[in-house]
């Protein structure tokens, strides 16, 4: 499981690395690969994944509850 509080721009950790691996697995591009650093390449891939799901692609990592609230 990934702790979303640890998946933020500028962070370097195993949760980012797991997120990068998941993004690559669904077909987004991170040229540097799974580095564990959330930089521009990861931001771009995350936004691409959001657009794949029909969202605007803001690249913001947000947890949504069943009622649609963000937290």
PDB file of N, CA and C in Angstrom:
ATOM      1  N   UNK A   1       0.842  -1.169   0.000  1.00  0.00           N
ATOM      2  CA  UNK A   1       0.000   0.000   0.000  1.00  0.00           C
ATOM      3  C   UNK A   1       0.892   1.239   0.000  1.00  0.00           C
ATOM      4  N   UNK A   2       0.422   2.266  -0.702  1.00  0.00           N
ATOM      5  CA  UNK A   2       1.166   3.517  -0.817  1.00  0.00           C
ATOM      6  C   UNK A   2       0.528   4.573   0.087  1.00  0.00           C
ATOM      7  N   UNK A   3       1.351   5.234   0.873  1.00  0.00           N
ATOM      8  CA  UNK A   3       0.865   6.341   1.700  1.00  0.00           C
ATOM      9  C   UNK A   3       0.851   7.598   0.843  1.00  0.00           C
ATOM     10  N   UNK A   4      -0.351   8.077   0.469  1.00  0.00           N
ATOM     11  CA  UNK A   4      -0.443   9.216  -0.437  1.00  0.00           C
ATOM     12  C   UNK A   4       0.231  10.462   0.102  1.00  0.00           C
ATOM     13  N   UNK A   5       0.333  10.578   1.412  1.00  0.00           N
ATOM     14  CA  UNK A   5       1.006  11.754   1.975  1.00  0.00           C
ATOM     15  C   UNK A   5       2.484  11.790   1.599  1.00  0.00           C
ATOM     16  N   UNK A   6       3.025  10.655   1.187  1.00  0.00           N
ATOM     17  CA  UNK A   6       4.426  10.582   0.786  1.00  0.00           C
ATOM     18  C   UNK A   6       4.630  10.693  -0.716  1.00  0.00           C
ATOM     19  N   UNK A   7       3.544  10.824  -1.468  1.00  0.00           N
ATOM     20  CA  UNK A   7       3.631  10.912  -2.927  1.00  0.00           C
ATOM     21  C   UNK A   7       3.304  12.351  -3.324  1.00  0.00           C
ATOM     22  N   UNK A   8       4.317  13.176  -3.305  1.00  0.00           N
ATOM     23  CA  UNK A   8       4.177  14.602  -3.591  1.00  0.00           C
ATOM     24  C   UNK A   8       5.380  15.074  -4.415  1.00  0.00           C
ATOM     25  N   UNK A   9       5.158  16.138  -5.178  1.00  0.00           N
ATOM     26  CA  UNK A   9       6.230  16.711  -5.980  1.00  0.00           C
ATOM     27  C   UNK A   9       7.425  17.045  -5.087  1.00  0.00           C
ATOM     28  N   UNK A  10       8.603  16.638  -5.526  1.00  0.00           N
ATOM     29  CA  UNK A  10       9.831  16.919  -4.799  1.00  0.00           C
ATOM     30  C   UNK A  10      10.241  15.835  -3.816  1.00  0.00           C
ATOM     31  N   UNK A  11       9.345  14.889  -3.527  1.00  0.00           N
ATOM     32  CA  UNK A  11       9.661  13.810  -2.581  1.00  0.00           C
ATOM     33  C   UNK A  11      10.459  12.709  -3.275  1.00  0.00           C
ATOM     34  N   UNK A  12      11.270  12.013  -2.495  1.00  0.00           N
ATOM     35  CA  UNK A  12      12.022  10.849  -2.970  1.00  0.00           C
ATOM     36  C   UNK A  12      11.840   9.746  -1.931  1.00  0.00           C
ATOM     37  N   UNK A  13      11.153   8.665  -2.328  1.00  0.00           N
ATOM     38  CA  UNK A  13      10.919   7.568  -1.403  1.00  0.00           C
ATOM     39  C   UNK A  13      10.363   6.348  -2.135  1.00  0.00           C
ATOM     40  N   UNK A  14      10.167   5.252  -1.396  1.00  0.00           N
ATOM     41  CA  UNK A  14       9.682   4.007  -1.995  1.00  0.00           C
ATOM     42  C   UNK A  14       8.238   4.105  -2.467  1.00  0.00           C
ATOM     43  N   UNK A  15       7.425   4.952  -1.816  1.00  0.00           N
ATOM     44  CA  UNK A  15       6.039   5.125  -2.255  1.00  0.00           C
ATOM     45  C   UNK A  15       5.992   5.780  -3.632  1.00  0.00           C
ATOM     46  N   UNK A  16       6.864   6.749  -3.863  1.00  0.00           N
ATOM     47  CA  UNK A  16       6.953   7.370  -5.185  1.00  0.00           C
ATOM     48  C   UNK A  16       7.402   6.332  -6.201  1.00  0.00           C
ATOM     49  N   UNK A  17       8.372   5.516  -5.828  1.00  0.00           N
ATOM     50  CA  UNK A  17       8.868   4.476  -6.729  1.00  0.00           C
ATOM     51  C   UNK A  17       7.747   3.502  -7.114  1.00  0.00           C
ATOM     52  N   UNK A  18       6.930   3.106  -6.147  1.00  0.00           N
ATOM     53  CA  UNK A  18       5.804   2.206  -6.419  1.00  0.00           C
ATOM     54  C   UNK A  18       4.776   2.880  -7.322  1.00  0.00           C
ATOM     55  N   UNK A  19       4.531   4.163  -7.089  1.00  0.00           N
ATOM     56  CA  UNK A  19       3.600   4.916  -7.924  1.00  0.00           C
ATOM     57  C   UNK A  19       4.126   5.016  -9.347  1.00  0.00           C
ATOM     58  N   UNK A  20       5.411   5.273  -9.497  1.00  0.00           N
ATOM     59  CA  UNK A  20       6.015   5.340 -10.826  1.00  0.00           C
ATOM     60  C   UNK A  20       5.875   4.006 -11.556  1.00  0.00           C
ATOM     61  N   UNK A  21       6.120   2.909 -10.851  1.00  0.00           N
ATOM     62  CA  UNK A  21       5.994   1.584 -11.461  1.00  0.00           C
ATOM     63  C   UNK A  21       4.563   1.342 -11.932  1.00  0.00           C
ATOM     64  N   UNK A  22       3.590   1.759 -11.127  1.00  0.00           N
ATOM     65  CA  UNK A  22       2.180   1.596 -11.497  1.00  0.00           C
ATOM     66  C   UNK A  22       1.832   2.459 -12.703  1.00  0.00           C
ATOM     67  N   UNK A  23       2.337   3.689 -12.736  1.00  0.00           N
ATOM     68  CA  UNK A  23       2.072   4.577 -13.872  1.00  0.00           C
ATOM     69  C   UNK A  23       2.651   4.002 -15.161  1.00  0.00           C
ATOM     70  N   UNK A  24       3.853   3.473 -15.084  1.00  0.00           N
ATOM     71  CA  UNK A  24       4.487   2.857 -16.253  1.00  0.00           C
ATOM     72  C   UNK A  24       3.695   1.626 -16.690  1.00  0.00           C
ATOM     73  N   UNK A  25       3.211   0.843 -15.729  1.00  0.00           N
ATOM     74  CA  UNK A  25       2.450  -0.378 -16.029  1.00  0.00           C
ATOM     75  C   UNK A  25       1.149  -0.086 -16.783  1.00  0.00           C
ATOM     76  N   UNK A  26       0.552   1.091 -16.548  1.00  0.00           N
ATOM     77  CA  UNK A  26      -0.691   1.420 -17.254  1.00  0.00           C
ATOM     78  C   UNK A  26      -0.438   2.182 -18.551  1.00  0.00           C
ATOM     79  N   UNK A  27       0.838   2.357 -18.918  1.00  0.00           N
ATOM     80  CA  UNK A  27       1.157   2.909 -20.225  1.00  0.00           C
ATOM     81  C   UNK A  27       1.607   4.351 -20.276  1.00  0.00           C
ATOM     82  N   UNK A  28       1.820   4.992 -19.134  1.00  0.00           N
ATOM     83  CA  UNK A  28       2.345   6.356 -19.169  1.00  0.00           C
ATOM     84  C   UNK A  28       3.863   6.304 -19.300  1.00  0.00           C
ATOM     85  N   UNK A  29       4.440   7.427 -19.683  1.00  0.00           N
ATOM     86  CA  UNK A  29       5.872   7.475 -19.936  1.00  0.00           C
ATOM     87  C   UNK A  29       6.620   8.220 -18.841  1.00  0.00           C
ATOM     88  N   UNK A  30       7.601   7.543 -18.262  1.00  0.00           N
ATOM     89  CA  UNK A  30       8.555   8.174 -17.353  1.00  0.00           C
ATOM     90  C   UNK A  30       9.929   7.772 -17.888  1.00  0.00           C
ATOM     91  N   UNK A  31      10.523   8.615 -18.751  1.00  0.00           N
ATOM     92  CA  UNK A  31      11.779   8.248 -19.413  1.00  0.00           C
ATOM     93  C   UNK A  31      12.894   7.789 -18.474  1.00  0.00           C
ATOM     94  N   UNK A  32      12.997   8.390 -17.295  1.00  0.00           N
ATOM     95  CA  UNK A  32      14.062   8.023 -16.358  1.00  0.00           C
ATOM     96  C   UNK A  32      13.772   6.711 -15.636  1.00  0.00           C
ATOM     97  N   UNK A  33      12.532   6.223 -15.729  1.00  0.00           N
ATOM     98  CA  UNK A  33      12.169   4.977 -15.061  1.00  0.00           C
ATOM     99  C   UNK A  33      11.753   5.211 -13.616  1.00  0.00           C
ATOM    100  N   UNK A  34      11.799   4.143 -12.835  1.00  0.00           N
ATOM    101  CA  UNK A  34      11.362   4.202 -11.437  1.00  0.00           C
ATOM    102  C   UNK A  34      12.520   4.641 -10.546  1.00  0.00           C
ATOM    103  N   UNK A  35      12.695   5.941 -10.445  1.00  0.00           N
ATOM    104  CA  UNK A  35      13.808   6.509  -9.683  1.00  0.00           C
ATOM    105  C   UNK A  35      13.460   6.723  -8.212  1.00  0.00           C
ATOM    106  N   UNK A  36      12.156   6.813  -7.918  1.00  0.00           N
ATOM    107  CA  UNK A  36      11.746   7.134  -6.556  1.00  0.00           C
ATOM    108  C   UNK A  36      11.665   8.622  -6.301  1.00  0.00           C
ATOM    109  N   UNK A  37      11.979   9.448  -7.328  1.00  0.00           N
ATOM    110  CA  UNK A  37      11.897  10.900  -7.189  1.00  0.00           C
ATOM    111  C   UNK A  37      10.699  11.423  -7.962  1.00  0.00           C
ATOM    112  N   UNK A  38       9.831  12.193  -7.293  1.00  0.00           N
ATOM    113  CA  UNK A  38       8.650  12.763  -7.926  1.00  0.00           C
ATOM    114  C   UNK A  38       9.023  14.121  -8.498  1.00  0.00           C
ATOM    115  N   UNK A  39       9.462  14.116  -9.747  1.00  0.00           N
ATOM    116  CA  UNK A  39       9.845  15.345 -10.437  1.00  0.00           C
ATOM    117  C   UNK A  39       8.919  15.590 -11.616  1.00  0.00           C
ATOM    118  N   UNK A  40       9.397  16.359 -12.583  1.00  0.00           N
ATOM    119  CA  UNK A  40       8.580  16.736 -13.743  1.00  0.00           C
ATOM    120  C   UNK A  40       8.087  15.527 -14.537  1.00  0.00           C
ATOM    121  N   UNK A  41       8.945  14.523 -14.722  1.00  0.00           N
ATOM    122  CA  UNK A  41       8.531  13.353 -15.500  1.00  0.00           C
ATOM    123  C   UNK A  41       7.381  12.609 -14.817  1.00  0.00           C
ATOM    124  N   UNK A  42       7.456  12.475 -13.506  1.00  0.00           N
ATOM    125  CA  UNK A  42       6.393  11.796 -12.770  1.00  0.00           C
ATOM    126  C   UNK A  42       5.128  12.639 -12.776  1.00  0.00           C
ATOM    127  N   UNK A  43       5.275  13.953 -12.624  1.00  0.00           N
ATOM    128  CA  UNK A  43       4.113  14.843 -12.666  1.00  0.00           C
ATOM    129  C   UNK A  43       3.398  14.714 -14.013  1.00  0.00           C
ATOM    130  N   UNK A  44       4.162  14.699 -15.089  1.00  0.00           N
ATOM    131  CA  UNK A  44       3.584  14.581 -16.428  1.00  0.00           C
ATOM    132  C   UNK A  44       2.878  13.235 -16.598  1.00  0.00           C
ATOM    133  N   UNK A  45       3.504  12.162 -16.125  1.00  0.00           N
ATOM    134  CA  UNK A  45       2.900  10.833 -16.228  1.00  0.00           C
ATOM    135  C   UNK A  45       1.631  10.730 -15.392  1.00  0.00           C
ATOM    136  N   UNK A  46       1.644  11.328 -14.204  1.00  0.00           N
ATOM    137  CA  UNK A  46       0.471  11.298 -13.331  1.00  0.00           C
ATOM    138  C   UNK A  46      -0.689  12.058 -13.973  1.00  0.00           C
ATOM    139  N   UNK A  47      -0.398  13.222 -14.560  1.00  0.00           N
ATOM    140  CA  UNK A  47      -1.431  13.994 -15.249  1.00  0.00           C
ATOM    141  C   UNK A  47      -1.973  13.213 -16.442  1.00  0.00           C
ATOM    142  N   UNK A  48      -1.098  12.525 -17.163  1.00  0.00           N
ATOM    143  CA  UNK A  48      -1.522  11.698 -18.296  1.00  0.00           C
ATOM    144  C   UNK A  48      -2.469  10.594 -17.821  1.00  0.00           C
ATOM    145  N   UNK A  49      -2.130   9.957 -16.716  1.00  0.00           N
ATOM    146  CA  UNK A  49      -2.983   8.901 -16.154  1.00  0.00           C
ATOM    147  C   UNK A  49      -4.342   9.465 -15.746  1.00  0.00           C
ATOM    148  N   UNK A  50      -4.346  10.654 -15.130  1.00  0.00           N
ATOM    149  CA  UNK A  50      -5.612  11.283 -14.752  1.00  0.00           C
ATOM    150  C   UNK A  50      -6.482  11.531 -15.983  1.00  0.00           C
ATOM    151  N   UNK A  51      -5.869  12.001 -17.079  1.00  0.00           N
ATOM    152  CA  UNK A  51      -6.630  12.229 -18.309  1.00  0.00           C
ATOM    153  C   UNK A  51      -7.168  10.917 -18.869  1.00  0.00           C
ATOM    154  N   UNK A  52      -6.406   9.830 -18.740  1.00  0.00           N
ATOM    155  CA  UNK A  52      -6.865   8.507 -19.186  1.00  0.00           C
ATOM    156  C   UNK A  52      -8.160   8.116 -18.455  1.00  0.00           C
ATOM    157  N   UNK A  53      -8.272   8.562 -17.210  1.00  0.00           N
ATOM    158  CA  UNK A  53      -9.441   8.243 -16.388  1.00  0.00           C
ATOM    159  C   UNK A  53     -10.582   9.240 -16.577  1.00  0.00           C
ATOM    160  N   UNK A  54     -10.364  10.265 -17.388  1.00  0.00           N
ATOM    161  CA  UNK A  54     -11.408  11.244 -17.652  1.00  0.00           C
ATOM    162  C   UNK A  54     -11.365  12.477 -16.782  1.00  0.00           C
ATOM    163  N   UNK A  55     -10.300  12.631 -15.994  1.00  0.00           N
ATOM    164  CA  UNK A  55     -10.145  13.823 -15.169  1.00  0.00           C
ATOM    165  C   UNK A  55      -9.400  14.893 -15.949  1.00  0.00           C
ATOM    166  N   UNK A  56      -9.238  16.064 -15.373  1.00  0.00           N
ATOM    167  CA  UNK A  56      -8.607  17.177 -16.077  1.00  0.00           C
ATOM    168  C   UNK A  56      -7.099  17.040 -16.212  1.00  0.00           C
ATOM    169  N   UNK A  57      -6.473  16.207 -15.415  1.00  0.00           N
ATOM    170  CA  UNK A  57      -5.026  16.055 -15.498  1.00  0.00           C
ATOM    171  C   UNK A  57      -4.275  17.127 -14.752  1.00  0.00           C
ATOM    172  N   UNK A  58      -4.706  17.422 -13.534  1.00  0.00           N
ATOM    173  CA  UNK A  58      -4.068  18.466 -12.728  1.00  0.00           C
ATOM    174  C   UNK A  58      -2.743  18.013 -12.132  1.00  0.00           C
ATOM    175  N   UNK A  59      -2.526  16.700 -12.063  1.00  0.00           N
ATOM    176  CA  UNK A  59      -1.338  16.087 -11.464  1.00  0.00           C
ATOM    177  C   UNK A  59      -1.306  16.245  -9.952  1.00  0.00           C
ATOM    178  N   UNK A  60      -2.403  16.703  -9.339  1.00  0.00           N
ATOM    179  CA  UNK A  60      -2.486  16.766  -7.881  1.00  0.00           C
ATOM    180  C   UNK A  60      -2.869  15.390  -7.371  1.00  0.00           C
ATOM    181  N   UNK A  61      -2.167  14.907  -6.366  1.00  0.00           N
ATOM    182  CA  UNK A  61      -2.454  13.623  -5.750  1.00  0.00           C
ATOM    183  C   UNK A  61      -3.445  13.881  -4.629  1.00  0.00           C
ATOM    184  N   UNK A  62      -4.695  13.402  -4.797  1.00  0.00           N
ATOM    185  CA  UNK A  62      -5.755  13.685  -3.839  1.00  0.00           C
ATOM    186  C   UNK A  62      -6.515  12.395  -3.551  1.00  0.00           C
ATOM    187  N   UNK A  63      -6.815  12.180  -2.289  1.00  0.00           N
ATOM    188  CA  UNK A  63      -7.616  11.037  -1.873  1.00  0.00           C
ATOM    189  C   UNK A  63      -9.076  11.475  -1.810  1.00  0.00           C
ATOM    190  N   UNK A  64      -9.960  10.728  -2.464  1.00  0.00           N
ATOM    191  CA  UNK A  64     -11.389  11.050  -2.457  1.00  0.00           C
ATOM    192  C   UNK A  64     -12.142  10.013  -1.635  1.00  0.00           C
ATOM    193  N   UNK A  65     -13.081  10.477  -0.845  1.00  0.00           N
ATOM    194  CA  UNK A  65     -13.928   9.578  -0.069  1.00  0.00           C
ATOM    195  C   UNK A  65     -15.117   9.152  -0.909  1.00  0.00           C
ATOM    196  N   UNK A  66     -15.942   8.277  -0.371  1.00  0.00           N
ATOM    197  CA  UNK A  66     -17.124   7.823  -1.094  1.00  0.00           C
ATOM    198  C   UNK A  66     -18.079   8.960  -1.393  1.00  0.00           C
ATOM    199  N   UNK A  67     -18.086  10.010  -0.571  1.00  0.00           N
ATOM    200  CA  UNK A  67     -18.978  11.139  -0.788  1.00  0.00           C
ATOM    201  C   UNK A  67     -18.376  12.150  -1.753  1.00  0.00           C
ATOM    202  N   UNK A  68     -17.187  11.872  -2.273  1.00  0.00           N
ATOM    203  CA  UNK A  68     -16.572  12.774  -3.236  1.00  0.00           C
ATOM    204  C   UNK A  68     -15.804  13.921  -2.636  1.00  0.00           C
ATOM    205  N   UNK A  69     -15.592  13.895  -1.330  1.00  0.00           N
ATOM    206  CA  UNK A  69     -14.823  14.946  -0.687  1.00  0.00           C
ATOM    207  C   UNK A  69     -13.332  14.631  -0.808  1.00  0.00           C
ATOM    208  N   UNK A  70     -12.517  15.643  -0.866  1.00  0.00           N
ATOM    209  CA  UNK A  70     -11.082  15.399  -0.886  1.00  0.00           C
ATOM    210  C   UNK A  70     -10.529  15.553   0.509  1.00  0.00           C
ATOM    211  N   UNK A  71      -9.460  14.831   0.771  1.00  0.00           N
ATOM    212  CA  UNK A  71      -8.879  14.905   2.102  1.00  0.00           C
ATOM    213  C   UNK A  71      -7.398  14.783   2.070  1.00  0.00           C
TER     214      UNK A  71
END
